[in-house]
Protein backbone atom coordinates (compact mmCIF):
# COMPACT_ATOMS: atom_id res chain seq x y z
CA UNK A 1 -30.17 44.71 86.90
CA UNK A 2 -29.49 44.08 83.11
CA UNK A 3 -28.65 40.49 82.34
CA UNK A 4 -26.36 39.93 79.54
CA UNK A 5 -25.39 36.54 78.16
CA UNK A 6 -22.29 36.34 76.01
CA UNK A 7 -22.27 33.26 73.53
CA UNK A 8 -19.02 32.36 71.83
CA UNK A 9 -17.15 29.05 71.18
CA UNK A 10 -13.77 31.18 71.41
CA UNK A 11 -13.07 31.28 75.31
CA UNK A 12 -10.70 34.23 74.66
CA UNK A 13 -13.42 36.22 72.94
CA UNK A 14 -15.78 35.58 75.70
CA UNK A 15 -13.34 36.41 78.31
CA UNK A 16 -12.57 39.90 76.34
CA UNK A 17 -16.16 40.48 75.97
CA UNK A 18 -16.96 39.80 79.72
CA UNK A 19 -13.91 42.22 80.80
CA UNK A 20 -15.26 45.00 78.36
CA UNK A 21 -18.63 44.92 79.63
CA UNK A 22 -17.59 44.42 83.44
CA UNK A 23 -15.57 47.41 83.11
CA UNK A 24 -17.81 49.77 81.81
CA UNK A 25 -20.94 48.86 83.11
CA UNK A 26 -20.45 47.16 86.53
CA UNK A 27 -24.01 46.85 87.59
CA UNK A 28 -24.79 44.34 84.57
CA UNK A 29 -24.88 40.70 85.59
CA UNK A 30 -22.92 39.01 82.88
CA UNK A 31 -23.22 35.31 81.97
CA UNK A 32 -21.59 33.12 79.30
CA UNK A 33 -22.01 30.20 77.24
CA UNK A 34 -19.77 28.21 74.79
CA UNK A 35 -22.22 27.14 72.18
CA UNK A 36 -25.91 27.53 71.10
CA UNK A 37 -27.19 24.73 73.22
CA UNK A 38 -25.59 25.97 76.33
CA UNK A 39 -27.32 29.42 75.53
CA UNK A 40 -30.73 27.88 75.03
CA UNK A 41 -30.49 26.00 78.26
CA UNK A 42 -29.46 29.09 80.20
CA UNK A 43 -32.29 31.38 78.65
CA UNK A 44 -34.57 28.92 79.66
CA UNK A 45 -33.29 29.14 83.26
CA UNK A 46 -32.71 32.89 83.34
CA UNK A 47 -34.31 34.88 80.63
CA UNK A 48 -31.56 37.36 80.10
CA UNK A 49 -32.51 40.89 78.42
CA UNK A 50 -29.73 40.62 75.86
CA UNK A 51 -27.83 37.80 74.12
CA UNK A 52 -24.73 38.59 72.50
CA UNK A 53 -24.44 35.73 69.97
CA UNK A 54 -21.68 34.65 67.64
CA UNK A 55 -23.18 33.52 64.53
CA UNK A 56 -20.69 30.88 63.50
CA UNK A 57 -20.27 28.30 66.21
CA UNK A 58 -19.59 24.33 66.04
CA UNK A 59 -23.00 22.60 67.02
CA UNK A 60 -25.91 25.05 66.99
CA UNK A 61 -24.66 28.15 65.65
CA UNK A 62 -26.06 31.50 66.22
CA UNK A 63 -28.84 31.58 63.83
CA UNK A 64 -30.39 28.51 65.23
CA UNK A 65 -29.90 29.43 68.68
CA UNK A 66 -31.74 32.78 68.02
CA UNK A 67 -34.66 31.09 66.53
CA UNK A 68 -34.98 28.92 69.48
CA UNK A 69 -34.21 31.85 72.01
CA UNK A 70 -37.15 34.05 70.31
CA UNK A 71 -39.29 30.90 70.78
CA UNK A 72 -38.39 30.60 74.49
CA UNK A 73 -38.00 34.51 75.32
CA UNK A 74 -39.59 36.85 72.74
CA UNK A 75 -38.59 39.72 74.68
CA UNK A 76 -35.02 38.96 74.68
CA UNK A 77 -33.04 41.32 72.61
CA UNK A 78 -30.07 39.56 70.43
CA UNK A 79 -26.80 41.04 69.25
CA UNK A 80 -25.14 39.01 66.83
CA UNK A 81 -21.29 39.31 66.36
CA UNK A 82 -19.09 37.80 63.82
CA UNK A 83 -15.81 37.93 62.11
CA UNK A 84 -17.10 35.77 59.15
CA UNK A 85 -19.87 38.18 58.06
CA UNK A 86 -20.07 41.46 56.47
CA UNK A 87 -22.37 43.86 58.11
CA UNK A 88 -24.77 43.73 54.80
CA UNK A 89 -24.77 40.00 55.13
CA UNK A 90 -25.82 39.96 58.97
CA UNK A 91 -27.92 42.70 58.42
CA UNK A 92 -30.15 40.28 56.12
CA UNK A 93 -29.88 37.59 58.76
CA UNK A 94 -30.88 40.01 61.51
CA UNK A 95 -34.02 41.30 59.68
CA UNK A 96 -34.92 37.86 58.48
CA UNK A 97 -35.00 36.50 62.08
CA UNK A 98 -36.34 39.81 63.54
CA UNK A 99 -33.20 39.78 65.87
CA UNK A 100 -32.00 43.03 67.42
CA UNK A 101 -28.67 44.13 65.92
CA UNK A 102 -25.15 43.04 64.38
CA UNK A 103 -21.74 44.18 65.53
CA UNK A 104 -18.62 42.83 63.71
CA UNK A 105 -16.34 41.59 66.46
CA UNK A 106 -13.66 43.92 65.38
CA UNK A 107 -16.15 46.73 66.46
CA UNK A 108 -17.19 45.22 69.81
CA UNK A 109 -15.01 47.45 71.96
CA UNK A 110 -16.81 50.52 70.29
CA UNK A 111 -20.20 49.63 69.36
CA UNK A 112 -21.12 46.70 71.58
CA UNK A 113 -22.27 48.72 74.55
CA UNK A 114 -24.21 51.42 72.76
CA UNK A 115 -25.86 48.97 70.60
CA UNK A 116 -26.93 47.02 73.85
CA UNK A 117 -28.45 50.13 75.31
CA UNK A 118 -30.17 51.14 71.94
CA UNK A 119 -31.73 47.67 71.91
CA UNK A 120 -32.97 48.44 75.75
CA UNK A 121 -34.00 51.73 74.95
CA UNK A 122 -31.45 53.34 77.49
CA UNK A 123 -29.87 56.66 76.78
CA UNK A 124 -26.08 56.76 76.49
CA UNK A 125 -24.30 58.49 79.22
């Protein structure tokens, strides 16, 4: 079972991503958090295989949360999402942190699942 934690401060974004993943990957266990602090707490408890993490959030943002998540669970893969950053800017953040990948929010419907599968080393169906 693949556990995926969706972290975004906007409930409608979390709901949309959870719905997308549940419809296309019914055997994945899906969890959600509304901010970086909640995400770090959940990672301590459940150690998901993947965290889909918004970069810009109130309180602890995605970059701070990613640093803590990597310290707690270095095997957990991180997929950053954002509407505020270009792919190039986010690529720099991803490489700097050694995180997994970046998907623009506008492209999540098309790219999120293949990106997660690539990070997990799972072949596409």
